[in-house]
C-alpha cells in the first residue's frame, strides 16, 4: 500500500513541474529575438561631434604697481618754495637699527612702558613682532628718529630728500591703536 504522505509529495511535485513548464513559453523568447534583430537591422547614424568650448582667457592683474589700498595714503606737498636747511642731513656713518628696514607706514604703536619714570614705546612691525623703542631710536626707511614718547603716541622726525638736492625734516606720529 502506498502511503498518503507519498501520494501527497508526488502530487506536489507534479503540480510544481506543471506550473514551472507553463511559465516558460517560446513566445517571450521569440519576442526578444525579434527585437534584437530589429535593432541590428537599423541603419547606423553618424556620431555628433563633441561641442566646442570657448578657450579660457586668464585674468591679468594690472594694479600691482599702484599703492596698496591697505597702506595709509601719503600726503605730498608740491610747493617749490620750501626752505631747505643746509644743516639737515642724515647720519650715514651710524649703524642702522632693525626697524629702519621697514617703511614707516608698515609700523604701528601697540603700547608703552614706563621704566624708572622713562617712557618706552612698543612698536609692531609688519611681521607681527613687537619691538621696544626709546627716545633717540631710529625707525622707518627715511632716517626717522624718535623725539618723544607719551602714553598715547610716539613722535618721529624723518629726514627725507627735498627733491632739489637737499634734505628736509618731516614729522610723523604713531598713535596708539585701539584693538578690540
Foldseek 3Di string as FASTA:
>chain_A
DDDPVVVVVVVVVVVVVVVVVVVDDVVVVVVVVVVVVVVVPDDDDDDDDDDDDDDDDDDDDDCPPPDDPPFDDDDDDDDPPDDFDQPDDADPPDDADPQQVAAPRQKAWAFWDADPNAIWTWIAGNVGDIDIGHQQHFHYNQRWGFHDDDGFKTKTWGWDDPVPGGIDIDIDMHGHDDDD
